Amino acid sequence: MTDELLWVSAAQVDDRVTLLTARGELDRDSLHILDAAADAALTAGATRLVLDLGTLTFCDSSGLRLFVELHKRTDLRLADVRAPVDTVIKVVNLHRILALHPTVEDAIG
């Protein structure tokens, strides 16, 4: 998989919340794109990251690892998580520690 398979856009919701929308496939080859966007948001002062995963179609273990790392660093909220990503998160029991929200609006709240 290549970088072209993952696009991430960032929107600052307010002084403390940044919304990152990921579209495509998150794997070891594209992970750095989401990681860099998250780092930029945190460096700019965000204390909450909302990841809109509604258009993320694939996530491997490196993506799951990034979710856990971000969860440890900040108030991470995953929004609009759909299959197959939702399935992978639940199979490895990460839904027990990660904040999953049905909508972006709910996660921002």
PDB file of N, CA and C in Angstrom:
ATOM      1  N   MET A   1       0.840  -1.178   0.000  1.00  0.00           N
ATOM      2  CA  MET A   1       0.000   0.000   0.000  1.00  0.00           C
ATOM      3  C   MET A   1       0.884   1.241   0.000  1.00  0.00           C
ATOM      4  N   THR A   2       0.376   2.293  -0.579  1.00  0.00           N
ATOM      5  CA  THR A   2       1.167   3.502  -0.722  1.00  0.00           C
ATOM      6  C   THR A   2       0.496   4.677  -0.046  1.00  0.00           C
ATOM      7  N   ASP A   3       1.238   5.783   0.037  1.00  0.00           N
ATOM      8  CA  ASP A   3       0.724   6.990   0.663  1.00  0.00           C
ATOM      9  C   ASP A   3      -0.571   7.465   0.022  1.00  0.00           C
ATOM     10  N   GLU A   4      -0.728   7.257  -1.263  1.00  0.00           N
ATOM     11  CA  GLU A   4      -1.912   7.734  -1.959  1.00  0.00           C
ATOM     12  C   GLU A   4      -3.191   7.064  -1.465  1.00  0.00           C
ATOM     13  N   LEU A   5      -3.066   6.024  -0.687  1.00  0.00           N
ATOM     14  CA  LEU A   5      -4.252   5.327  -0.202  1.00  0.00           C
ATOM     15  C   LEU A   5      -4.804   5.920   1.097  1.00  0.00           C
ATOM     16  N   LEU A   6      -4.140   6.936   1.654  1.00  0.00           N
ATOM     17  CA  LEU A   6      -4.630   7.578   2.869  1.00  0.00           C
ATOM     18  C   LEU A   6      -4.547   9.085   2.714  1.00  0.00           C
ATOM     19  N   TRP A   7      -5.666   9.744   2.977  1.00  0.00           N
ATOM     20  CA  TRP A   7      -5.730  11.201   2.992  1.00  0.00           C
ATOM     21  C   TRP A   7      -6.230  11.622   4.354  1.00  0.00           C
ATOM     22  N   VAL A   8      -5.610  12.637   4.907  1.00  0.00           N
ATOM     23  CA  VAL A   8      -6.027  13.157   6.210  1.00  0.00           C
ATOM     24  C   VAL A   8      -6.210  14.666   6.092  1.00  0.00           C
ATOM     25  N   SER A   9      -7.358  15.135   6.540  1.00  0.00           N
ATOM     26  CA  SER A   9      -7.589  16.578   6.603  1.00  0.00           C
ATOM     27  C   SER A   9      -7.765  16.966   8.063  1.00  0.00           C
ATOM     28  N   ALA A  10      -7.352  18.180   8.380  1.00  0.00           N
ATOM     29  CA  ALA A  10      -7.429  18.675   9.757  1.00  0.00           C
ATOM     30  C   ALA A  10      -8.275  19.927   9.798  1.00  0.00           C
ATOM     31  N   ALA A  11      -9.086  20.025  10.844  1.00  0.00           N
ATOM     32  CA  ALA A  11      -9.901  21.220  11.077  1.00  0.00           C
ATOM     33  C   ALA A  11      -9.872  21.521  12.561  1.00  0.00           C
ATOM     34  N   GLN A  12      -9.511  22.735  12.896  1.00  0.00           N
ATOM     35  CA  GLN A  12      -9.505  23.138  14.295  1.00  0.00           C
ATOM     36  C   GLN A  12     -10.922  23.523  14.682  1.00  0.00           C
ATOM     37  N   VAL A  13     -11.488  22.781  15.623  1.00  0.00           N
ATOM     38  CA  VAL A  13     -12.863  23.023  16.073  1.00  0.00           C
ATOM     39  C   VAL A  13     -12.896  24.219  17.016  1.00  0.00           C
ATOM     40  N   ASP A  14     -11.968  24.232  17.956  1.00  0.00           N
ATOM     41  CA  ASP A  14     -11.794  25.370  18.860  1.00  0.00           C
ATOM     42  C   ASP A  14     -10.364  25.330  19.375  1.00  0.00           C
ATOM     43  N   ASP A  15     -10.068  26.092  20.409  1.00  0.00           N
ATOM     44  CA  ASP A  15      -8.685  26.183  20.901  1.00  0.00           C
ATOM     45  C   ASP A  15      -8.121  24.858  21.395  1.00  0.00           C
ATOM     46  N   ARG A  16      -8.991  23.943  21.771  1.00  0.00           N
ATOM     47  CA  ARG A  16      -8.503  22.690  22.356  1.00  0.00           C
ATOM     48  C   ARG A  16      -8.828  21.448  21.546  1.00  0.00           C
ATOM     49  N   VAL A  17      -9.700  21.546  20.567  1.00  0.00           N
ATOM     50  CA  VAL A  17     -10.161  20.363  19.819  1.00  0.00           C
ATOM     51  C   VAL A  17      -9.787  20.480  18.350  1.00  0.00           C
ATOM     52  N   THR A  18      -9.147  19.417  17.847  1.00  0.00           N
ATOM     53  CA  THR A  18      -8.849  19.315  16.420  1.00  0.00           C
ATOM     54  C   THR A  18      -9.523  18.072  15.869  1.00  0.00           C
ATOM     55  N   LEU A  19     -10.189  18.238  14.735  1.00  0.00           N
ATOM     56  CA  LEU A  19     -10.835  17.138  14.040  1.00  0.00           C
ATOM     57  C   LEU A  19      -9.935  16.690  12.899  1.00  0.00           C
ATOM     58  N   LEU A  20      -9.574  15.412  12.906  1.00  0.00           N
ATOM     59  CA  LEU A  20      -8.799  14.813  11.822  1.00  0.00           C
ATOM     60  C   LEU A  20      -9.702  13.821  11.114  1.00  0.00           C
ATOM     61  N   THR A  21      -9.862  14.006   9.827  1.00  0.00           N
ATOM     62  CA  THR A  21     -10.684  13.104   9.032  1.00  0.00           C
ATOM     63  C   THR A  21      -9.761  12.253   8.178  1.00  0.00           C
ATOM     64  N   ALA A  22      -9.846  10.939   8.364  1.00  0.00           N
ATOM     65  CA  ALA A  22      -8.997   9.996   7.621  1.00  0.00           C
ATOM     66  C   ALA A  22      -9.844   9.278   6.584  1.00  0.00           C
ATOM     67  N   ARG A  23      -9.343   9.261   5.359  1.00  0.00           N
ATOM     68  CA  ARG A  23     -10.062   8.602   4.266  1.00  0.00           C
ATOM     69  C   ARG A  23      -9.099   7.656   3.560  1.00  0.00           C
ATOM     70  N   GLY A  24      -9.534   6.403   3.405  1.00  0.00           N
ATOM     71  CA  GLY A  24      -8.710   5.421   2.702  1.00  0.00           C
ATOM     72  C   GLY A  24      -8.260   4.298   3.605  1.00  0.00           C
ATOM     73  N   GLU A  25      -7.006   3.922   3.445  1.00  0.00           N
ATOM     74  CA  GLU A  25      -6.450   2.767   4.148  1.00  0.00           C
ATOM     75  C   GLU A  25      -5.290   3.178   5.047  1.00  0.00           C
ATOM     76  N   LEU A  26      -5.384   2.772   6.303  1.00  0.00           N
ATOM     77  CA  LEU A  26      -4.348   3.063   7.294  1.00  0.00           C
ATOM     78  C   LEU A  26      -3.550   1.797   7.540  1.00  0.00           C
ATOM     79  N   ASP A  27      -2.284   1.824   7.134  1.00  0.00           N
ATOM     80  CA  ASP A  27      -1.405   0.679   7.344  1.00  0.00           C
ATOM     81  C   ASP A  27       0.003   1.176   7.635  1.00  0.00           C
ATOM     82  N   ARG A  28       0.942   0.262   7.729  1.00  0.00           N
ATOM     83  CA  ARG A  28       2.305   0.634   8.106  1.00  0.00           C
ATOM     84  C   ARG A  28       2.957   1.583   7.113  1.00  0.00           C
ATOM     85  N   ASP A  29       2.534   1.546   5.859  1.00  0.00           N
ATOM     86  CA  ASP A  29       3.129   2.414   4.846  1.00  0.00           C
ATOM     87  C   ASP A  29       2.507   3.802   4.812  1.00  0.00           C
ATOM     88  N   SER A  30       1.291   3.947   5.302  1.00  0.00           N
ATOM     89  CA  SER A  30       0.617   5.244   5.278  1.00  0.00           C
ATOM     90  C   SER A  30       0.452   5.853   6.668  1.00  0.00           C
ATOM     91  N   LEU A  31       0.840   5.123   7.678  1.00  0.00           N
ATOM     92  CA  LEU A  31       0.679   5.536   9.072  1.00  0.00           C
ATOM     93  C   LEU A  31       1.267   6.913   9.345  1.00  0.00           C
ATOM     94  N   HIS A  32       2.404   7.213   8.743  1.00  0.00           N
ATOM     95  CA  HIS A  32       3.086   8.472   9.021  1.00  0.00           C
ATOM     96  C   HIS A  32       2.239   9.692   8.661  1.00  0.00           C
ATOM     97  N   ILE A  33       1.293   9.546   7.754  1.00  0.00           N
ATOM     98  CA  ILE A  33       0.445  10.674   7.365  1.00  0.00           C
ATOM     99  C   ILE A  33      -0.471  11.073   8.520  1.00  0.00           C
ATOM    100  N   LEU A  34      -1.148  10.106   9.104  1.00  0.00           N
ATOM    101  CA  LEU A  34      -2.019  10.387  10.244  1.00  0.00           C
ATOM    102  C   LEU A  34      -1.200  10.779  11.466  1.00  0.00           C
ATOM    103  N   ASP A  35      -0.084  10.133  11.673  1.00  0.00           N
ATOM    104  CA  ASP A  35       0.783  10.438  12.803  1.00  0.00           C
ATOM    105  C   ASP A  35       1.269  11.885  12.733  1.00  0.00           C
ATOM    106  N   ALA A  36       1.685  12.335  11.556  1.00  0.00           N
ATOM    107  CA  ALA A  36       2.172  13.709  11.385  1.00  0.00           C
ATOM    108  C   ALA A  36       1.055  14.720  11.619  1.00  0.00           C
ATOM    109  N   ALA A  37      -0.145  14.421  11.138  1.00  0.00           N
ATOM    110  CA  ALA A  37      -1.281  15.324  11.347  1.00  0.00           C
ATOM    111  C   ALA A  37      -1.626  15.427  12.830  1.00  0.00           C
ATOM    112  N   ALA A  38      -1.595  14.299  13.531  1.00  0.00           N
ATOM    113  CA  ALA A  38      -1.875  14.301  14.972  1.00  0.00           C
ATOM    114  C   ALA A  38      -0.796  15.070  15.725  1.00  0.00           C
ATOM    115  N   ASP A  39       0.465  14.847  15.379  1.00  0.00           N
ATOM    116  CA  ASP A  39       1.563  15.569  16.031  1.00  0.00           C
ATOM    117  C   ASP A  39       1.436  17.077  15.815  1.00  0.00           C
ATOM    118  N   ALA A  40       1.091  17.478  14.595  1.00  0.00           N
ATOM    119  CA  ALA A  40       0.935  18.904  14.302  1.00  0.00           C
ATOM    120  C   ALA A  40      -0.179  19.515  15.150  1.00  0.00           C
ATOM    121  N   ALA A  41      -1.283  18.798  15.291  1.00  0.00           N
ATOM    122  CA  ALA A  41      -2.399  19.300  16.094  1.00  0.00           C
ATOM    123  C   ALA A  41      -2.012  19.418  17.561  1.00  0.00           C
ATOM    124  N   LEU A  42      -1.328  18.425  18.077  1.00  0.00           N
ATOM    125  CA  LEU A  42      -0.919  18.450  19.483  1.00  0.00           C
ATOM    126  C   LEU A  42       0.127  19.530  19.729  1.00  0.00           C
ATOM    127  N   THR A  43       1.038  19.699  18.798  1.00  0.00           N
ATOM    128  CA  THR A  43       2.057  20.746  18.919  1.00  0.00           C
ATOM    129  C   THR A  43       1.411  22.130  18.907  1.00  0.00           C
ATOM    130  N   ALA A  44       0.336  22.273  18.149  1.00  0.00           N
ATOM    131  CA  ALA A  44      -0.380  23.554  18.067  1.00  0.00           C
ATOM    132  C   ALA A  44      -1.243  23.822  19.297  1.00  0.00           C
ATOM    133  N   GLY A  45      -1.327  22.864  20.203  1.00  0.00           N
ATOM    134  CA  GLY A  45      -2.039  23.087  21.457  1.00  0.00           C
ATOM    135  C   GLY A  45      -3.330  22.328  21.651  1.00  0.00           C
ATOM    136  N   ALA A  46      -3.695  21.470  20.721  1.00  0.00           N
ATOM    137  CA  ALA A  46      -4.917  20.683  20.909  1.00  0.00           C
ATOM    138  C   ALA A  46      -4.767  19.765  22.123  1.00  0.00           C
ATOM    139  N   THR A  47      -5.829  19.656  22.897  1.00  0.00           N
ATOM    140  CA  THR A  47      -5.835  18.722  24.022  1.00  0.00           C
ATOM    141  C   THR A  47      -6.814  17.576  23.778  1.00  0.00           C
ATOM    142  N   ARG A  48      -7.592  17.694  22.695  1.00  0.00           N
ATOM    143  CA  ARG A  48      -8.496  16.618  22.299  1.00  0.00           C
ATOM    144  C   ARG A  48      -8.378  16.434  20.791  1.00  0.00           C
ATOM    145  N   LEU A  49      -8.196  15.180  20.394  1.00  0.00           N
ATOM    146  CA  LEU A  49      -8.211  14.831  18.985  1.00  0.00           C
ATOM    147  C   LEU A  49      -9.444  13.995  18.717  1.00  0.00           C
ATOM    148  N   VAL A  50     -10.209  14.410  17.722  1.00  0.00           N
ATOM    149  CA  VAL A  50     -11.342  13.631  17.259  1.00  0.00           C
ATOM    150  C   VAL A  50     -10.946  13.078  15.898  1.00  0.00           C
ATOM    151  N   LEU A  51     -10.927  11.767  15.783  1.00  0.00           N
ATOM    152  CA  LEU A  51     -10.617  11.129  14.512  1.00  0.00           C
ATOM    153  C   LEU A  51     -11.910  10.672  13.872  1.00  0.00           C
ATOM    154  N   ASP A  52     -12.252  11.282  12.756  1.00  0.00           N
ATOM    155  CA  ASP A  52     -13.426  10.880  11.983  1.00  0.00           C
ATOM    156  C   ASP A  52     -12.982   9.740  11.072  1.00  0.00           C
ATOM    157  N   LEU A  53     -13.449   8.539  11.379  1.00  0.00           N
ATOM    158  CA  LEU A  53     -13.024   7.350  10.641  1.00  0.00           C
ATOM    159  C   LEU A  53     -14.124   6.801   9.741  1.00  0.00           C
ATOM    160  N   GLY A  54     -15.122   7.613   9.458  1.00  0.00           N
ATOM    161  CA  GLY A  54     -16.252   7.169   8.652  1.00  0.00           C
ATOM    162  C   GLY A  54     -15.889   6.738   7.242  1.00  0.00           C
ATOM    163  N   THR A  55     -14.804   7.253   6.717  1.00  0.00           N
ATOM    164  CA  THR A  55     -14.380   6.873   5.364  1.00  0.00           C
ATOM    165  C   THR A  55     -13.054   6.114   5.372  1.00  0.00           C
ATOM    166  N   LEU A  56     -12.662   5.609   6.539  1.00  0.00           N
ATOM    167  CA  LEU A  56     -11.489   4.744   6.620  1.00  0.00           C
ATOM    168  C   LEU A  56     -11.937   3.319   6.308  1.00  0.00           C
ATOM    169  N   THR A  57     -11.342   2.716   5.291  1.00  0.00           N
ATOM    170  CA  THR A  57     -11.804   1.409   4.824  1.00  0.00           C
ATOM    171  C   THR A  57     -10.939   0.249   5.288  1.00  0.00           C
ATOM    172  N   PHE A  58      -9.771   0.547   5.871  1.00  0.00           N
ATOM    173  CA  PHE A  58      -8.864  -0.512   6.296  1.00  0.00           C
ATOM    174  C   PHE A  58      -7.976   0.037   7.395  1.00  0.00           C
ATOM    175  N   CYS A  59      -7.651  -0.816   8.363  1.00  0.00           N
ATOM    176  CA  CYS A  59      -6.726  -0.448   9.435  1.00  0.00           C
ATOM    177  C   CYS A  59      -6.009  -1.715   9.885  1.00  0.00           C
ATOM    178  N   ASP A  60      -4.682  -1.700   9.818  1.00  0.00           N
ATOM    179  CA  ASP A  60      -3.931  -2.856  10.292  1.00  0.00           C
ATOM    180  C   ASP A  60      -3.428  -2.602  11.716  1.00  0.00           C
ATOM    181  N   SER A  61      -2.599  -3.486  12.214  1.00  0.00           N
ATOM    182  CA  SER A  61      -2.145  -3.392  13.602  1.00  0.00           C
ATOM    183  C   SER A  61      -1.325  -2.135  13.874  1.00  0.00           C
ATOM    184  N   SER A  62      -0.640  -1.611  12.869  1.00  0.00           N
ATOM    185  CA  SER A  62       0.123  -0.379  13.093  1.00  0.00           C
ATOM    186  C   SER A  62      -0.826   0.799  13.328  1.00  0.00           C
ATOM    187  N   GLY A  63      -1.950   0.810  12.658  1.00  0.00           N
ATOM    188  CA  GLY A  63      -2.951   1.838  12.902  1.00  0.00           C
ATOM    189  C   GLY A  63      -3.544   1.724  14.292  1.00  0.00           C
ATOM    190  N   LEU A  64      -3.822   0.500  14.715  1.00  0.00           N
ATOM    191  CA  LEU A  64      -4.335   0.284  16.070  1.00  0.00           C
ATOM    192  C   LEU A  64      -3.319   0.747  17.108  1.00  0.00           C
ATOM    193  N   ARG A  65      -2.049   0.477  16.845  1.00  0.00           N
ATOM    194  CA  ARG A  65      -0.989   0.914  17.762  1.00  0.00           C
ATOM    195  C   ARG A  65      -0.959   2.437  17.860  1.00  0.00           C
ATOM    196  N   LEU A  66      -1.135   3.123  16.724  1.00  0.00           N
ATOM    197  CA  LEU A  66      -1.165   4.581  16.747  1.00  0.00           C
ATOM    198  C   LEU A  66      -2.352   5.079  17.566  1.00  0.00           C
ATOM    199  N   PHE A  67      -3.505   4.457  17.433  1.00  0.00           N
ATOM    200  CA  PHE A  67      -4.663   4.854  18.239  1.00  0.00           C
ATOM    201  C   PHE A  67      -4.346   4.744  19.735  1.00  0.00           C
ATOM    202  N   VAL A  68      -3.700   3.660  20.133  1.00  0.00           N
ATOM    203  CA  VAL A  68      -3.350   3.471  21.545  1.00  0.00           C
ATOM    204  C   VAL A  68      -2.342   4.525  21.993  1.00  0.00           C
ATOM    205  N   GLU A  69      -1.337   4.803  21.165  1.00  0.00           N
ATOM    206  CA  GLU A  69      -0.335   5.815  21.511  1.00  0.00           C
ATOM    207  C   GLU A  69      -0.975   7.189  21.668  1.00  0.00           C
ATOM    208  N   LEU A  70      -1.875   7.540  20.755  1.00  0.00           N
ATOM    209  CA  LEU A  70      -2.552   8.830  20.847  1.00  0.00           C
ATOM    210  C   LEU A  70      -3.471   8.881  22.065  1.00  0.00           C
ATOM    211  N   HIS A  71      -4.107   7.769  22.381  1.00  0.00           N
ATOM    212  CA  HIS A  71      -4.954   7.680  23.577  1.00  0.00           C
ATOM    213  C   HIS A  71      -4.140   7.978  24.838  1.00  0.00           C
ATOM    214  N   LYS A  72      -2.898   7.533  24.861  1.00  0.00           N
ATOM    215  CA  LYS A  72      -2.032   7.774  26.017  1.00  0.00           C
ATOM    216  C   LYS A  72      -1.576   9.232  26.091  1.00  0.00           C
ATOM    217  N   ARG A  73      -1.491   9.911  24.948  1.00  0.00           N
ATOM    218  CA  ARG A  73      -0.958  11.274  24.882  1.00  0.00           C
ATOM    219  C   ARG A  73      -2.008  12.372  25.043  1.00  0.00           C
ATOM    220  N   THR A  74      -3.260  12.058  24.718  1.00  0.00           N
ATOM    221  CA  THR A  74      -4.282  13.106  24.677  1.00  0.00           C
ATOM    222  C   THR A  74      -5.662  12.502  24.863  1.00  0.00           C
ATOM    223  N   ASP A  75      -6.653  13.364  24.885  1.00  0.00           N
ATOM    224  CA  ASP A  75      -8.051  12.934  24.925  1.00  0.00           C
ATOM    225  C   ASP A  75      -8.427  12.566  23.488  1.00  0.00           C
ATOM    226  N   LEU A  76      -8.314  11.284  23.157  1.00  0.00           N
ATOM    227  CA  LEU A  76      -8.588  10.790  21.811  1.00  0.00           C
ATOM    228  C   LEU A  76     -10.001  10.247  21.749  1.00  0.00           C
ATOM    229  N   ARG A  77     -10.716  10.663  20.709  1.00  0.00           N
ATOM    230  CA  ARG A  77     -12.069  10.168  20.491  1.00  0.00           C
ATOM    231  C   ARG A  77     -12.189   9.735  19.037  1.00  0.00           C
ATOM    232  N   LEU A  78     -12.649   8.509  18.833  1.00  0.00           N
ATOM    233  CA  LEU A  78     -12.851   7.974  17.493  1.00  0.00           C
ATOM    234  C   LEU A  78     -14.323   8.109  17.145  1.00  0.00           C
ATOM    235  N   ALA A  79     -14.601   8.654  15.966  1.00  0.00           N
ATOM    236  CA  ALA A  79     -15.983   8.913  15.572  1.00  0.00           C
ATOM    237  C   ALA A  79     -16.341   8.186  14.288  1.00  0.00           C
ATOM    238  N   ASP A  80     -17.601   7.761  14.213  1.00  0.00           N
ATOM    239  CA  ASP A  80     -18.170   7.161  13.004  1.00  0.00           C
ATOM    240  C   ASP A  80     -17.318   5.986  12.503  1.00  0.00           C
ATOM    241  N   VAL A  81     -16.932   5.127  13.426  1.00  0.00           N
ATOM    242  CA  VAL A  81     -16.103   3.969  13.071  1.00  0.00           C
ATOM    243  C   VAL A  81     -16.996   2.905  12.454  1.00  0.00           C
ATOM    244  N   ARG A  82     -16.657   2.490  11.255  1.00  0.00           N
ATOM    245  CA  ARG A  82     -17.468   1.513  10.513  1.00  0.00           C
ATOM    246  C   ARG A  82     -16.660   0.263  10.211  1.00  0.00           C
ATOM    247  N   ALA A  83     -17.396  -0.786   9.845  1.00  0.00           N
ATOM    248  CA  ALA A  83     -16.739  -2.031   9.438  1.00  0.00           C
ATOM    249  C   ALA A  83     -15.935  -1.748   8.173  1.00  0.00           C
ATOM    250  N   PRO A  84     -14.810  -2.368   8.014  1.00  0.00           N
ATOM    251  CA  PRO A  84     -14.189  -3.398   8.839  1.00  0.00           C
ATOM    252  C   PRO A  84     -13.339  -2.865   9.990  1.00  0.00           C
ATOM    253  N   VAL A  85     -13.123  -1.538  10.059  1.00  0.00           N
ATOM    254  CA  VAL A  85     -12.282  -0.976  11.114  1.00  0.00           C
ATOM    255  C   VAL A  85     -12.901  -1.229  12.486  1.00  0.00           C
ATOM    256  N   ASP A  86     -14.198  -1.043  12.608  1.00  0.00           N
ATOM    257  CA  ASP A  86     -14.903  -1.305  13.857  1.00  0.00           C
ATOM    258  C   ASP A  86     -14.694  -2.753  14.307  1.00  0.00           C
ATOM    259  N   THR A  87     -14.766  -3.656  13.371  1.00  0.00           N
ATOM    260  CA  THR A  87     -14.592  -5.081  13.680  1.00  0.00           C
ATOM    261  C   THR A  87     -13.201  -5.361  14.236  1.00  0.00           C
ATOM    262  N   VAL A  88     -12.189  -4.788  13.608  1.00  0.00           N
ATOM    263  CA  VAL A  88     -10.802  -5.006  14.054  1.00  0.00           C
ATOM    264  C   VAL A  88     -10.615  -4.448  15.463  1.00  0.00           C
ATOM    265  N   ILE A  89     -11.141  -3.265  15.717  1.00  0.00           N
ATOM    266  CA  ILE A  89     -11.018  -2.659  17.049  1.00  0.00           C
ATOM    267  C   ILE A  89     -11.669  -3.547  18.104  1.00  0.00           C
ATOM    268  N   LYS A  90     -12.832  -4.094  17.787  1.00  0.00           N
ATOM    269  CA  LYS A  90     -13.542  -4.935  18.757  1.00  0.00           C
ATOM    270  C   LYS A  90     -12.902  -6.308  18.924  1.00  0.00           C
ATOM    271  N   VAL A  91     -12.368  -6.875  17.865  1.00  0.00           N
ATOM    272  CA  VAL A  91     -11.731  -8.196  17.956  1.00  0.00           C
ATOM    273  C   VAL A  91     -10.548  -8.176  18.918  1.00  0.00           C
ATOM    274  N   VAL A  92      -9.808  -7.067  18.919  1.00  0.00           N
ATOM    275  CA  VAL A  92      -8.641  -6.984  19.805  1.00  0.00           C
ATOM    276  C   VAL A  92      -8.971  -6.264  21.120  1.00  0.00           C
ATOM    277  N   ASN A  93     -10.271  -6.069  21.364  1.00  0.00           N
ATOM    278  CA  ASN A  93     -10.780  -5.493  22.618  1.00  0.00           C
ATOM    279  C   ASN A  93     -10.340  -4.056  22.887  1.00  0.00           C
ATOM    280  N   LEU A  94      -9.959  -3.314  21.853  1.00  0.00           N
ATOM    281  CA  LEU A  94      -9.583  -1.924  22.066  1.00  0.00           C
ATOM    282  C   LEU A  94     -10.799  -1.033  22.332  1.00  0.00           C
ATOM    283  N   HIS A  95     -11.982  -1.515  22.012  1.00  0.00           N
ATOM    284  CA  HIS A  95     -13.187  -0.736  22.311  1.00  0.00           C
ATOM    285  C   HIS A  95     -13.369  -0.551  23.817  1.00  0.00           C
ATOM    286  N   ARG A  96     -12.653  -1.342  24.595  1.00  0.00           N
ATOM    287  CA  ARG A  96     -12.734  -1.227  26.056  1.00  0.00           C
ATOM    288  C   ARG A  96     -11.926  -0.043  26.583  1.00  0.00           C
ATOM    289  N   ILE A  97     -10.925   0.407  25.819  1.00  0.00           N
ATOM    290  CA  ILE A  97     -10.117   1.534  26.301  1.00  0.00           C
ATOM    291  C   ILE A  97     -10.235   2.780  25.435  1.00  0.00           C
ATOM    292  N   LEU A  98     -10.588   2.612  24.170  1.00  0.00           N
ATOM    293  CA  LEU A  98     -10.716   3.760  23.280  1.00  0.00           C
ATOM    294  C   LEU A  98     -12.143   4.308  23.341  1.00  0.00           C
ATOM    295  N   ALA A  99     -12.259   5.617  23.238  1.00  0.00           N
ATOM    296  CA  ALA A  99     -13.570   6.268  23.254  1.00  0.00           C
ATOM    297  C   ALA A  99     -14.140   6.259  21.839  1.00  0.00           C
ATOM    298  N   LEU A 100     -15.156   5.426  21.622  1.00  0.00           N
ATOM    299  CA  LEU A 100     -15.818   5.326  20.322  1.00  0.00           C
ATOM    300  C   LEU A 100     -17.137   6.088  20.380  1.00  0.00           C
ATOM    301  N   HIS A 101     -17.380   6.931  19.381  1.00  0.00           N
ATOM    302  CA  HIS A 101     -18.592   7.744  19.335  1.00  0.00           C
ATOM    303  C   HIS A 101     -19.297   7.520  18.012  1.00  0.00           C
ATOM    304  N   PRO A 102     -20.624   7.509  18.009  1.00  0.00           N
ATOM    305  CA  PRO A 102     -21.368   7.229  16.774  1.00  0.00           C
ATOM    306  C   PRO A 102     -21.236   8.319  15.716  1.00  0.00           C
ATOM    307  N   THR A 103     -21.048   9.573  16.166  1.00  0.00           N
ATOM    308  CA  THR A 103     -20.945  10.683  15.216  1.00  0.00           C
ATOM    309  C   THR A 103     -19.797  11.610  15.603  1.00  0.00           C
ATOM    310  N   VAL A 104     -19.384  12.418  14.649  1.00  0.00           N
ATOM    311  CA  VAL A 104     -18.354  13.419  14.928  1.00  0.00           C
ATOM    312  C   VAL A 104     -18.875  14.431  15.947  1.00  0.00           C
ATOM    313  N   GLU A 105     -20.107  14.845  15.792  1.00  0.00           N
ATOM    314  CA  GLU A 105     -20.696  15.814  16.704  1.00  0.00           C
ATOM    315  C   GLU A 105     -20.691  15.316  18.146  1.00  0.00           C
ATOM    316  N   ASP A 106     -21.020  14.043  18.322  1.00  0.00           N
ATOM    317  CA  ASP A 106     -21.005  13.438  19.661  1.00  0.00           C
ATOM    318  C   ASP A 106     -19.582  13.421  20.222  1.00  0.00           C
ATOM    319  N   ALA A 107     -18.613  13.100  19.390  1.00  0.00           N
ATOM    320  CA  ALA A 107     -17.216  13.047  19.843  1.00  0.00           C
ATOM    321  C   ALA A 107     -16.676  14.421  20.196  1.00  0.00           C
ATOM    322  N   ILE A 108     -17.084  15.428  19.466  1.00  0.00           N
ATOM    323  CA  ILE A 108     -16.623  16.790  19.748  1.00  0.00           C
ATOM    324  C   ILE A 108     -17.198  17.290  21.059  1.00  0.00           C
ATOM    325  N   GLY A 109     -18.477  16.971  21.295  1.00  0.00           N
ATOM    326  CA  GLY A 109     -19.211  17.419  22.485  1.00  0.00           C
ATOM    327  C   GLY A 109     -18.455  17.293  23.717  1.00  0.00           C
TER     328      GLY A 109
END
